[in-house]
C-alpha atoms as a PDB file:
ATOM      1  CA  UNK A   1       0.479   0.037   0.009  1.00  0.00           C
ATOM      2  CA  UNK A   2       1.085   3.154  -1.068  1.00  0.00           C
ATOM      3  CA  UNK A   3       0.899   6.462   1.063  1.00  0.00           C
ATOM      4  CA  UNK A   4       1.592   9.483  -1.183  1.00  0.00           C
ATOM      5  CA  UNK A   5       2.629  12.001   1.337  1.00  0.00           C
ATOM      6  CA  UNK A   6       5.153   9.405   3.027  1.00  0.00           C
ATOM      7  CA  UNK A   7       6.319   7.539  -0.262  1.00  0.00           C
ATOM      8  CA  UNK A   8       6.579  10.263  -2.828  1.00  0.00           C
ATOM      9  CA  UNK A   9       9.427  12.198  -2.937  1.00  0.00           C
ATOM     10  CA  UNK A  10       7.864  16.149  -2.490  1.00  0.00           C
ATOM     11  CA  UNK A  11      11.126  17.568  -3.635  1.00  0.00           C
ATOM     12  CA  UNK A  12       9.925  18.927  -7.141  1.00  0.00           C
ATOM     13  CA  UNK A  13      10.105  22.818  -8.209  1.00  0.00           C
ATOM     14  CA  UNK A  14       6.913  22.474 -10.147  1.00  0.00           C
ATOM     15  CA  UNK A  15       5.010  19.603  -8.616  1.00  0.00           C
ATOM     16  CA  UNK A  16       4.666  17.621 -11.970  1.00  0.00           C
ATOM     17  CA  UNK A  17       6.336  14.627 -11.126  1.00  0.00           C
ATOM     18  CA  UNK A  18       4.634  14.524  -7.847  1.00  0.00           C
ATOM     19  CA  UNK A  19       1.277  14.649  -9.643  1.00  0.00           C
ATOM     20  CA  UNK A  20       2.211  11.800 -11.970  1.00  0.00           C
ATOM     21  CA  UNK A  21       3.292   9.831  -9.502  1.00  0.00           C
ATOM     22  CA  UNK A  22      -0.058  10.036  -7.615  1.00  0.00           C
ATOM     23  CA  UNK A  23      -1.554   9.679 -10.804  1.00  0.00           C
ATOM     24  CA  UNK A  24       0.209   6.183 -11.641  1.00  0.00           C
ATOM     25  CA  UNK A  25      -1.055   4.998  -7.878  1.00  0.00           C
ATOM     26  CA  UNK A  26      -4.757   5.941  -8.676  1.00  0.00           C
ATOM     27  CA  UNK A  27      -4.885   4.223 -11.787  1.00  0.00           C
ATOM     28  CA  UNK A  28      -3.270   0.915 -10.831  1.00  0.00           C
ATOM     29  CA  UNK A  29      -5.064   0.772  -7.410  1.00  0.00           C
ATOM     30  CA  UNK A  30      -8.258  -1.282  -7.487  1.00  0.00           C
ATOM     31  CA  UNK A  31      -9.190   1.048  -4.162  1.00  0.00           C
ATOM     32  CA  UNK A  32      -7.920   4.691  -3.373  1.00  0.00           C
ATOM     33  CA  UNK A  33      -8.126   5.214   0.413  1.00  0.00           C
ATOM     34  CA  UNK A  34      -8.041   9.339   0.959  1.00  0.00           C
ATOM     35  CA  UNK A  35      -7.654  11.139   4.156  1.00  0.00           C
ATOM     36  CA  UNK A  36      -9.766  14.018   3.165  1.00  0.00           C
ATOM     37  CA  UNK A  37      -9.047  17.487   4.086  1.00  0.00           C
ATOM     38  CA  UNK A  38     -11.418  20.143   1.901  1.00  0.00           C
ATOM     39  CA  UNK A  39      -8.585  22.632   2.849  1.00  0.00           C
ATOM     40  CA  UNK A  40      -5.880  20.981   0.888  1.00  0.00           C
ATOM     41  CA  UNK A  41      -5.567  21.432  -2.953  1.00  0.00           C
ATOM     42  CA  UNK A  42      -3.173  18.148  -2.959  1.00  0.00           C
ATOM     43  CA  UNK A  43      -6.611  16.299  -1.551  1.00  0.00           C
ATOM     44  CA  UNK A  44      -8.547  18.004  -4.020  1.00  0.00           C
ATOM     45  CA  UNK A  45      -6.193  16.996  -6.800  1.00  0.00           C
ATOM     46  CA  UNK A  46      -6.136  13.377  -6.238  1.00  0.00           C
ATOM     47  CA  UNK A  47      -9.662  12.882  -5.595  1.00  0.00           C
ATOM     48  CA  UNK A  48     -10.420  14.811  -8.642  1.00  0.00           C
ATOM     49  CA  UNK A  49      -8.079  12.349 -10.625  1.00  0.00           C
ATOM     50  CA  UNK A  50      -9.575   9.260  -8.741  1.00  0.00           C
ATOM     51  CA  UNK A  51     -13.068  10.472  -9.999  1.00  0.00           C
ATOM     52  CA  UNK A  52     -11.656  10.663 -13.457  1.00  0.00           C
ATOM     53  CA  UNK A  53      -9.907   7.280 -13.396  1.00  0.00           C
ATOM     54  CA  UNK A  54     -13.553   5.729 -11.972  1.00  0.00           C
ATOM     55  CA  UNK A  55     -15.293   7.070 -15.535  1.00  0.00           C
ATOM     56  CA  UNK A  56     -12.834   4.769 -17.507  1.00  0.00           C
ATOM     57  CA  UNK A  57     -12.575   1.971 -14.502  1.00  0.00           C
ATOM     58  CA  UNK A  58     -16.029   2.069 -12.761  1.00  0.00           C
ATOM     59  CA  UNK A  59     -14.899  -1.011 -10.640  1.00  0.00           C
ATOM     60  CA  UNK A  60     -12.304   1.433  -8.747  1.00  0.00           C
ATOM     61  CA  UNK A  61     -13.400   1.912  -5.410  1.00  0.00           C
ATOM     62  CA  UNK A  62     -13.083   5.031  -3.410  1.00  0.00           C
ATOM     63  CA  UNK A  63     -13.099   5.529   0.546  1.00  0.00           C
ATOM     64  CA  UNK A  64     -12.459   8.571   2.757  1.00  0.00           C
ATOM     65  CA  UNK A  65     -10.391   7.026   5.670  1.00  0.00           C
ATOM     66  CA  UNK A  66     -11.548  10.126   8.258  1.00  0.00           C
ATOM     67  CA  UNK A  67     -14.898  10.078   7.139  1.00  0.00           C
ATOM     68  CA  UNK A  68     -15.828  10.522  10.953  1.00  0.00           C
ATOM     69  CA  UNK A  69     -14.313  14.047  10.526  1.00  0.00           C
ATOM     70  CA  UNK A  70     -16.350  15.156   7.579  1.00  0.00           C
ATOM     71  CA  UNK A  71     -19.374  17.514   7.196  1.00  0.00           C
ATOM     72  CA  UNK A  72     -21.863  18.303   4.655  1.00  0.00           C
ATOM     73  CA  UNK A  73     -21.735  21.916   3.087  1.00  0.00           C
ATOM     74  CA  UNK A  74     -25.130  23.351   2.758  1.00  0.00           C
ATOM     75  CA  UNK A  75     -24.790  23.802  -0.747  1.00  0.00           C
ATOM     76  CA  UNK A  76     -23.265  22.332  -3.474  1.00  0.00           C
ATOM     77  CA  UNK A  77     -19.453  21.866  -3.151  1.00  0.00           C
ATOM     78  CA  UNK A  78     -16.354  19.840  -4.136  1.00  0.00           C
ATOM     79  CA  UNK A  79     -16.568  18.588  -0.384  1.00  0.00           C
ATOM     80  CA  UNK A  80     -20.157  17.153  -0.806  1.00  0.00           C
ATOM     81  CA  UNK A  81     -19.117  15.562  -4.000  1.00  0.00           C
ATOM     82  CA  UNK A  82     -16.367  14.120  -2.159  1.00  0.00           C
ATOM     83  CA  UNK A  83     -18.254  12.619   0.028  1.00  0.00           C
ATOM     84  CA  UNK A  84     -20.975  11.700  -2.315  1.00  0.00           C
ATOM     85  CA  UNK A  85     -18.401   9.519  -4.200  1.00  0.00           C
ATOM     86  CA  UNK A  86     -17.236   7.667  -0.919  1.00  0.00           C
ATOM     87  CA  UNK A  87     -21.174   6.457  -0.767  1.00  0.00           C
ATOM     88  CA  UNK A  88     -21.103   5.674  -4.371  1.00  0.00           C
ATOM     89  CA  UNK A  89     -24.341   8.275  -4.729  1.00  0.00           C
ATOM     90  CA  UNK A  90     -25.212   9.680  -8.456  1.00  0.00           C
ATOM     91  CA  UNK A  91     -26.471  12.754  -9.861  1.00  0.00           C
ATOM     92  CA  UNK A  92     -29.681  11.530  -9.147  1.00  0.00           C
ATOM     93  CA  UNK A  93     -29.531  11.286  -5.331  1.00  0.00           C
ATOM     94  CA  UNK A  94     -30.399  14.772  -3.587  1.00  0.00           C
ATOM     95  CA  UNK A  95     -28.440  16.705  -0.555  1.00  0.00           C
ATOM     96  CA  UNK A  96     -30.670  15.156   1.718  1.00  0.00           C
ATOM     97  CA  UNK A  97     -29.637  11.769   0.635  1.00  0.00           C
ATOM     98  CA  UNK A  98     -26.046  12.645   1.141  1.00  0.00           C
ATOM     99  CA  UNK A  99     -26.805  14.009   4.583  1.00  0.00           C
ATOM    100  CA  UNK A 100     -28.494  10.988   5.563  1.00  0.00           C
ATOM    101  CA  UNK A 101     -25.998   8.799   4.277  1.00  0.00           C
ATOM    102  CA  UNK A 102     -23.360  10.481   6.447  1.00  0.00           C
ATOM    103  CA  UNK A 103     -25.565  10.583   9.640  1.00  0.00           C
ATOM    104  CA  UNK A 104     -26.099   6.685   9.640  1.00  0.00           C
ATOM    105  CA  UNK A 105     -22.287   6.038   8.842  1.00  0.00           C
ATOM    106  CA  UNK A 106     -21.120   8.387  11.573  1.00  0.00           C
END
């Protein structure tokens, strides 16, 4: 199991090598587990890359490791999309569906 912040050399002037390594990890992983931090650009990037990979590999699993620390925003947000992805929700689901799923799983 690879842990990007631990296993990726963070010395990269631009960040392109780091991103490529993370993308490779996401592509080859059967399951992606993320420590979700909505304030982190890196977390958001990795989840966006995971969602894109899931478009072509729908069997890929995504899970938030620290789900107990997450909240739902009152309006549309990337944070809500990340939590909805964890629960395998779709565009057909509502904000209330998402809130109920999180409440059931905390």
